[in-house]
Protein backbone atom coordinates (compact mmCIF):
# COMPACT_ATOMS: atom_id res chain seq x y z
CA UNK A 1 68.46 29.49 146.35
CA UNK A 2 65.30 30.75 145.02
CA UNK A 3 64.85 33.55 142.63
CA UNK A 4 62.85 36.43 143.87
CA UNK A 5 61.86 37.48 140.38
CA UNK A 6 60.11 35.30 137.87
CA UNK A 7 62.09 34.59 134.68
CA UNK A 8 59.86 36.88 132.61
CA UNK A 9 60.73 39.72 134.88
CA UNK A 10 64.45 39.11 134.49
CA UNK A 11 64.08 38.91 130.80
CA UNK A 12 62.11 42.18 130.75
CA UNK A 13 64.65 43.74 132.96
CA UNK A 14 67.48 42.65 130.64
CA UNK A 15 65.52 44.03 127.69
CA UNK A 16 65.07 47.24 129.64
CA UNK A 17 68.79 47.38 130.44
CA UNK A 18 69.67 46.68 126.81
CA UNK A 19 67.37 49.46 125.66
CA UNK A 20 68.82 51.88 128.18
CA UNK A 21 72.39 50.89 127.19
CA UNK A 22 71.53 51.51 123.54
CA UNK A 23 70.06 54.91 124.43
CA UNK A 24 73.21 55.71 126.44
CA UNK A 25 75.34 54.56 123.50
CA UNK A 26 73.29 56.75 121.14
CA UNK A 27 73.78 59.67 123.52
CA UNK A 28 77.48 58.97 123.71
CA UNK A 29 77.62 58.90 119.91
CA UNK A 30 75.76 62.20 119.77
CA UNK A 31 78.09 63.68 122.41
CA UNK A 32 81.15 62.50 120.44
CA UNK A 33 79.66 64.05 117.27
CA UNK A 34 79.01 67.30 119.12
CA UNK A 35 82.45 67.16 120.72
CA UNK A 36 84.07 66.63 117.29
CA UNK A 37 82.08 69.47 115.81
CA UNK A 38 83.16 71.68 118.73
CA UNK A 39 86.78 70.73 118.15
CA UNK A 40 86.47 71.54 114.45
CA UNK A 41 84.76 74.83 115.23
CA UNK A 42 87.39 75.63 117.88
CA UNK A 43 90.15 74.85 115.39
CA UNK A 44 88.45 76.99 112.75
CA UNK A 45 88.00 79.82 115.23
CA UNK A 46 91.67 79.55 116.23
CA UNK A 47 92.71 79.74 112.61
CA UNK A 48 90.39 82.69 112.05
CA UNK A 49 91.78 84.44 115.11
CA UNK A 50 95.33 83.83 113.87
CA UNK A 51 94.39 85.31 110.45
CA UNK A 52 92.75 88.27 112.17
CA UNK A 53 95.83 88.82 114.31
CA UNK A 54 98.05 88.77 111.20
CA UNK A 55 95.69 91.16 109.44
CA UNK A 56 95.68 93.49 112.46
CA UNK A 57 99.51 93.44 112.53
CA UNK A 58 99.61 94.19 108.79
CA UNK A 59 97.07 97.02 109.24
CA UNK A 60 99.14 98.37 112.14
CA UNK A 61 102.24 98.31 109.91
CA UNK A 62 100.34 100.04 107.15
CA UNK A 63 99.08 102.68 109.58
CA UNK A 64 102.60 103.20 110.93
CA UNK A 65 104.02 103.56 107.40
CA UNK A 66 101.19 105.91 106.51
CA UNK A 67 101.94 108.05 109.57
CA UNK A 68 105.66 108.13 108.70
CA UNK A 69 104.79 109.09 105.11
CA UNK A 70 102.41 111.77 106.34
CA UNK A 71 105.06 113.19 108.67
CA UNK A 72 107.61 113.20 105.84
CA UNK A 73 105.13 114.91 103.55
CA UNK A 74 104.39 117.52 106.21
CA UNK A 75 108.18 118.16 106.64
CA UNK A 76 108.58 118.40 102.88
CA UNK A 77 105.60 120.77 102.59
CA UNK A 78 107.03 122.97 105.35
CA UNK A 79 110.44 122.96 103.70
CA UNK A 80 108.76 123.85 100.37
CA UNK A 81 106.83 126.68 102.02
CA UNK A 82 110.07 127.98 103.52
CA UNK A 83 111.81 127.77 100.12
CA UNK A 84 108.88 129.62 98.51
CA UNK A 85 109.11 132.34 101.20
CA UNK A 86 112.86 132.64 100.62
CA UNK A 87 112.35 132.74 96.84
CA UNK A 88 109.69 135.46 97.23
CA UNK A 89 112.07 137.49 99.41
CA UNK A 90 114.85 137.01 96.86
CA UNK A 91 112.48 137.94 94.02
CA UNK A 92 111.55 141.13 95.87
CA UNK A 93 115.26 141.95 96.29
CA UNK A 94 115.92 141.15 92.63
CA UNK A 95 113.04 143.40 91.59
CA UNK A 96 114.45 146.20 93.71
CA UNK A 97 117.94 145.73 92.17
CA UNK A 98 116.40 145.60 88.70
CA UNK A 99 114.38 148.74 89.33
CA UNK A 100 117.44 150.51 90.67
CA UNK A 101 119.37 149.35 87.63
CA UNK A 102 116.60 150.58 85.33
CA UNK A 103 116.55 153.93 87.09
CA UNK A 104 120.33 154.17 86.83
CA UNK A 105 120.14 153.17 83.16
CA UNK A 106 117.56 155.93 82.60
CA UNK A 107 119.76 158.46 84.37
CA UNK A 108 122.75 157.28 82.32
CA UNK A 109 120.70 157.53 79.11
CA UNK A 110 119.68 161.03 80.02
CA UNK A 111 123.25 161.96 80.88
CA UNK A 112 124.48 160.48 77.55
CA UNK A 113 121.79 162.37 75.67
CA UNK A 114 122.77 165.54 77.48
CA UNK A 115 126.46 164.93 76.70
CA UNK A 116 125.61 164.19 73.01
CA UNK A 117 123.53 167.39 72.88
CA UNK A 118 126.45 169.39 74.32
CA UNK A 119 128.87 167.82 71.85
CA UNK A 120 126.46 168.54 69.01
CA UNK A 121 126.01 172.17 70.16
CA UNK A 122 129.80 172.52 70.48
CA UNK A 123 130.32 171.20 67.00
CA UNK A 124 127.48 173.36 65.63
CA UNK A 125 128.87 176.49 67.33
CA UNK A 126 132.36 175.73 65.84
CA UNK A 127 130.86 175.66 62.40
CA UNK A 128 129.24 179.00 62.83
CA UNK A 129 125.75 177.87 63.54
CA UNK A 130 125.44 175.48 60.63
CA UNK A 131 124.17 172.07 61.43
CA UNK A 132 126.52 170.36 58.95
CA UNK A 133 130.25 171.04 58.63
CA UNK A 134 131.50 172.59 55.26
């Protein structure tokens, strides 16, 4: 058997193959490094997404509690407004009763004064017109 290539050619070809294999090895190392970086980034992104999902759930809970508090405050405010209206109506009634009582008290005072004046005139007339009894 005879070689078709001279020994220098084979040696050069082996050197060429070795160089190419080293380049492929370097590329594989680079790909592994990139792949590892991608894994780390993906893991970091997954963790960030999980934190964001928790934060969103917490914010949704806060918003729900806020809405519940707001509805309760609105109910309380409406109940307070109703109580104020009822108190105003009762105050108006109380003022009317008080005014009626004051008017009645004034009429009673006038009636008492009139009665006292009549008694005084009766007593005066009994004494013969003198203001003080003898």
